[in-house]
Amino acid sequence: MSFHQISGNQYGAIAAAACRLTENYAVSPILPSWMGEIHAGRPSARAEGYTMTDVRKPYPRLVSKRLMLISPADPEFDANAAFLNPGAARFIDAAEDPDSLWWSIATIIGHWHLHGYGLFAVVERSTGQTVGLVGPWFPKGWPEPELSWHLMENGQGKGYASEAAQAVLSWLFGEAGWESIVSYVPEENDASIALARRVGAQPEKPVSFRLQPAPNIRAWRHVPPHVSGPQAARGLLH
């Protein structure tokens, strides 16, 4: 989906999600009975070329062939330089209003603090330039977590969105132990529909919720490769 500004009534507290994450991430909430249970997915994730750097860091970093994915909340990441300073690359379809953009980036960083996961800044390894945001997104009012992608002008036409999305899915299903996640895609957004198909998502019914970012939204379901049938449609929330 293209980048959309976060509306004023979304600046409140973001709902905590009961999603399974490993002990490598300093996040909330974690159920001790799940510890060590989800490590079986790690070898397959590594075999696909998606690895994590220093797991002692409180925020995960994902590395693919051309990209590094870093939490904007990571103290080592300069969110001002990447998104807000004069001359920073613009998001596709982003509002011109710098105040609205500031609130959007602040909310994305706050999402990491409240949930322990969120949109990753997508950094081009060869140049160090930030080219977008891709990751799980679950603000208050969303029916369930969404895999969301937002490219900047300097990241278009290079296949970065699908590479980053696949890296995030590999992490969610292998490292973090999630069972499902959706992407909410407008019916007229052909590029995002093609991307959803490219990373293996399956279309479900149209959805409607109060804070949906656009009209005519359809849910596209992502599940681990080994999951099929009714289980695939149940999602991670019980």
Protein backbone atom coordinates (compact mmCIF):
# COMPACT_ATOMS: atom_id res chain seq x y z
CA MET A 1 0.00 0.00 0.00
CA SER A 2 1.20 3.52 -0.64
CA PHE A 3 2.17 5.72 2.28
CA HIS A 4 -0.75 7.32 4.07
CA GLN A 5 -0.69 9.92 6.80
CA ILE A 6 -1.97 8.95 10.22
CA SER A 7 -5.08 10.91 11.08
CA GLY A 8 -5.36 12.98 14.22
CA ASN A 9 -7.71 10.57 15.98
CA GLN A 10 -5.09 7.82 15.68
CA TYR A 11 -2.54 9.56 17.91
CA GLY A 12 -3.88 7.97 21.09
CA ALA A 13 -2.49 4.91 22.81
CA ILE A 14 -1.96 1.95 20.48
CA ALA A 15 -3.50 -1.34 21.58
CA ALA A 16 -1.10 -3.98 22.83
CA ALA A 17 -1.03 -7.15 20.74
CA ALA A 18 -0.78 -10.66 22.19
CA CYS A 19 1.66 -11.85 19.53
CA ARG A 20 4.37 -14.44 20.11
CA LEU A 21 7.90 -13.11 20.03
CA THR A 22 11.17 -14.67 21.10
CA GLU A 23 13.29 -13.78 24.08
CA ASN A 24 15.77 -12.03 21.80
CA TYR A 25 13.52 -9.00 21.60
CA ALA A 26 12.93 -6.72 24.57
CA VAL A 27 9.19 -6.44 23.93
CA SER A 28 5.81 -6.84 25.55
CA PRO A 29 3.98 -9.06 26.28
CA ILE A 30 5.89 -12.37 26.25
CA LEU A 31 4.49 -15.66 27.50
CA PRO A 32 7.26 -17.76 29.11
CA SER A 33 5.73 -21.03 27.90
CA TRP A 34 6.51 -19.98 24.34
CA MET A 35 10.19 -19.42 25.00
CA GLY A 36 12.37 -21.63 22.87
CA GLU A 37 9.32 -23.14 21.19
CA ILE A 38 9.61 -21.19 17.96
CA HIS A 39 13.31 -21.57 17.20
CA ALA A 40 12.67 -24.41 14.76
CA GLY A 41 11.86 -21.91 12.05
CA ARG A 42 15.25 -20.23 12.15
CA PRO A 43 17.28 -22.52 9.88
CA SER A 44 14.76 -22.19 7.05
CA ALA A 45 14.73 -18.42 7.41
CA ARG A 46 18.51 -18.32 7.20
CA ALA A 47 18.50 -20.64 4.20
CA GLU A 48 16.35 -18.15 2.33
CA GLY A 49 18.97 -15.45 2.90
CA TYR A 50 17.21 -13.49 5.63
CA THR A 51 19.36 -13.20 8.70
CA MET A 52 19.44 -11.21 11.88
CA THR A 53 22.42 -9.24 13.07
CA ASP A 54 23.38 -8.92 16.74
CA VAL A 55 20.49 -10.59 18.59
CA ARG A 56 21.59 -8.95 21.84
CA LYS A 57 20.21 -5.64 20.59
CA PRO A 58 16.75 -4.76 21.91
CA TYR A 59 15.49 -4.19 18.37
CA PRO A 60 15.82 -6.80 15.61
CA ARG A 61 17.66 -6.03 12.39
CA LEU A 62 16.91 -8.03 9.27
CA VAL A 63 19.37 -8.39 6.41
CA SER A 64 18.52 -9.49 2.87
CA LYS A 65 20.60 -9.45 -0.30
CA ARG A 66 20.37 -5.71 -0.92
CA LEU A 67 18.66 -4.32 2.16
CA MET A 68 18.93 -3.91 5.91
CA LEU A 69 15.73 -3.45 7.89
CA ILE A 70 16.14 -1.41 11.09
CA SER A 71 13.60 -0.31 13.69
CA PRO A 72 13.14 3.49 13.55
CA ALA A 73 13.09 3.32 17.36
CA ASP A 74 16.66 1.94 17.42
CA PRO A 75 18.89 4.62 19.01
CA GLU A 76 21.46 3.98 16.29
CA PHE A 77 18.97 4.96 13.56
CA ASP A 78 18.65 8.70 12.73
CA ALA A 79 14.95 9.09 11.98
CA ASN A 80 15.28 12.85 11.52
CA ALA A 81 17.89 12.47 8.79
CA ALA A 82 16.02 9.62 7.11
CA PHE A 83 12.52 11.08 7.09
CA LEU A 84 12.21 14.63 8.42
CA ASN A 85 15.19 16.83 7.64
CA PRO A 86 15.06 19.13 4.59
CA GLY A 87 16.16 17.17 1.56
CA ALA A 88 15.05 13.77 2.91
CA ALA A 89 13.46 11.56 0.26
CA ARG A 90 9.67 11.78 0.21
CA PHE A 91 7.22 8.94 0.56
CA ILE A 92 5.06 8.19 -2.46
CA ASP A 93 1.72 10.02 -2.03
CA ALA A 94 2.83 11.53 1.29
CA ALA A 95 1.23 14.82 2.30
CA GLU A 96 3.36 17.90 1.83
CA ASP A 97 2.62 19.04 5.39
CA PRO A 98 5.83 18.51 7.41
CA ASP A 99 3.89 18.63 10.69
CA SER A 100 1.71 15.69 9.65
CA LEU A 101 4.78 13.76 8.54
CA TRP A 102 6.41 14.37 11.94
CA TRP A 103 3.36 12.96 13.71
CA SER A 104 3.34 9.94 11.41
CA ILE A 105 7.00 9.11 12.09
CA ALA A 106 6.56 9.70 15.84
CA THR A 107 3.61 7.28 15.85
CA ILE A 108 5.64 4.65 13.98
CA ILE A 109 8.44 4.93 16.56
CA GLY A 110 5.91 4.84 19.42
CA HIS A 111 4.32 1.70 17.95
CA TRP A 112 7.64 -0.11 18.49
CA HIS A 113 7.74 0.98 22.13
CA LEU A 114 4.14 -0.06 22.82
CA HIS A 115 4.03 -3.31 20.82
CA GLY A 116 7.65 -4.42 20.57
CA TYR A 117 7.37 -4.65 16.77
CA GLY A 118 6.41 -2.33 13.93
CA LEU A 119 7.41 -0.87 10.60
CA PHE A 120 11.10 -1.29 9.76
CA ALA A 121 13.07 1.42 8.02
CA VAL A 122 14.30 -0.16 4.78
CA VAL A 123 17.92 0.84 4.18
CA GLU A 124 19.80 0.22 0.94
CA ARG A 125 22.97 -1.62 1.94
CA SER A 126 25.08 -0.28 -0.93
CA THR A 127 24.38 3.39 -0.18
CA GLY A 128 23.01 3.60 3.37
CA GLN A 129 19.96 5.46 2.05
CA THR A 130 16.56 4.85 3.59
CA VAL A 131 14.14 3.82 0.85
CA GLY A 132 10.93 2.99 2.69
CA LEU A 133 9.09 1.44 5.61
CA VAL A 134 7.91 -2.18 5.65
CA GLY A 135 6.67 -4.27 8.56
CA PRO A 136 3.84 -5.31 10.87
CA TRP A 137 1.49 -2.48 11.80
CA PHE A 138 -1.30 -2.72 14.39
CA PRO A 139 -2.63 0.67 15.52
CA LYS A 140 -5.68 0.92 17.72
CA GLY A 141 -8.79 0.30 15.65
CA TRP A 142 -7.18 -2.18 13.22
CA PRO A 143 -8.98 -5.57 13.19
CA GLU A 144 -5.64 -7.43 13.27
CA PRO A 145 -1.97 -6.79 12.51
CA GLU A 146 -1.18 -5.75 8.98
CA LEU A 147 1.96 -6.25 6.91
CA SER A 148 2.31 -2.78 5.46
CA TRP A 149 4.70 -1.38 2.86
CA HIS A 150 5.49 2.23 2.00
CA LEU A 151 8.21 3.12 -0.49
CA MET A 152 9.98 6.43 -0.84
CA GLU A 153 10.67 8.06 -4.19
CA ASN A 154 14.26 6.78 -4.21
CA GLY A 155 13.13 3.17 -3.72
CA GLN A 156 10.78 2.74 -6.66
CA GLY A 157 11.23 0.28 -9.49
CA LYS A 158 13.94 -1.84 -7.89
CA GLY A 159 12.00 -4.71 -6.36
CA TYR A 160 12.77 -3.47 -2.86
CA ALA A 161 9.18 -3.72 -1.58
CA SER A 162 8.90 -7.45 -2.28
CA GLU A 163 12.43 -8.14 -1.01
CA ALA A 164 11.73 -6.30 2.24
CA ALA A 165 8.25 -7.82 2.64
CA GLN A 166 9.64 -11.33 2.20
CA ALA A 167 12.35 -10.63 4.76
CA VAL A 168 9.74 -9.45 7.27
CA LEU A 169 7.51 -12.47 6.62
CA SER A 170 10.48 -14.79 7.08
CA TRP A 171 11.19 -13.12 10.42
CA LEU A 172 7.56 -13.13 11.58
CA PHE A 173 6.94 -16.78 10.71
CA GLY A 174 10.41 -18.15 11.50
CA GLU A 175 11.94 -16.01 14.24
CA ALA A 176 8.87 -14.50 15.89
CA GLY A 177 6.52 -17.48 15.54
CA TRP A 178 3.49 -15.68 14.12
CA GLU A 179 0.83 -17.81 12.44
CA SER A 180 -0.72 -15.21 10.12
CA ILE A 181 -0.81 -11.57 9.10
CA VAL A 182 -2.88 -9.65 6.55
CA SER A 183 -2.26 -6.77 4.18
CA TYR A 184 -5.13 -4.34 3.61
CA VAL A 185 -5.01 -3.36 -0.06
CA PRO A 186 -7.38 -1.01 -1.92
CA GLU A 187 -9.11 -2.81 -4.77
CA GLU A 188 -7.83 -0.27 -7.31
CA ASN A 189 -4.18 -0.47 -6.17
CA ASP A 190 -2.87 -2.81 -8.87
CA ALA A 191 0.77 -2.44 -7.81
CA SER A 192 0.08 -3.50 -4.22
CA ILE A 193 -2.14 -6.36 -5.37
CA ALA A 194 0.68 -7.61 -7.59
CA LEU A 195 3.10 -7.31 -4.68
CA ALA A 196 0.76 -9.22 -2.35
CA ARG A 197 0.55 -12.02 -4.90
CA ARG A 198 4.32 -11.98 -5.41
CA VAL A 199 4.99 -12.68 -1.74
CA GLY A 200 2.35 -15.42 -1.58
CA ALA A 201 -0.68 -13.68 -0.04
CA GLN A 202 -4.20 -14.93 -0.81
CA PRO A 203 -7.23 -12.62 -1.20
CA GLU A 204 -10.03 -12.76 1.35
CA LYS A 205 -13.29 -10.83 1.64
CA PRO A 206 -13.47 -7.02 1.54
CA VAL A 207 -13.19 -5.45 4.97
CA SER A 208 -14.52 -2.31 6.56
CA PHE A 209 -13.40 -0.73 9.81
CA ARG A 210 -13.70 2.77 11.20
CA LEU A 211 -10.12 3.92 10.67
CA GLN A 212 -9.33 2.08 7.45
CA PRO A 213 -6.84 4.11 5.39
CA ALA A 214 -8.78 3.95 2.11
CA PRO A 215 -12.19 2.81 0.78
CA ASN A 216 -12.74 -0.52 -0.98
CA ILE A 217 -10.17 -2.43 1.07
CA ARG A 218 -9.61 -6.17 0.69
CA ALA A 219 -7.65 -8.32 3.14
CA TRP A 220 -4.79 -10.38 1.68
CA ARG A 221 -3.71 -13.20 4.00
CA HIS A 222 -0.07 -14.18 4.53
CA VAL A 223 0.61 -17.53 6.24
CA PRO A 224 3.71 -19.71 6.61
CA PRO A 225 4.31 -21.99 3.59
CA HIS A 226 3.37 -25.13 5.53
CA VAL A 227 -0.05 -23.79 6.63
CA SER A 228 -3.06 -24.42 4.38
CA GLY A 229 -6.80 -24.96 4.52
CA PRO A 230 -9.06 -23.62 7.31
CA GLN A 231 -6.11 -22.99 9.61
CA ALA A 232 -4.71 -20.47 7.15
CA ALA A 233 -7.83 -18.34 7.37
CA ARG A 234 -7.96 -18.13 11.16
CA GLY A 235 -5.17 -15.61 11.65
CA LEU A 236 -2.99 -15.20 14.69
CA LEU A 237 -5.61 -13.67 17.02
CA HIS A 238 -7.79 -16.10 18.93
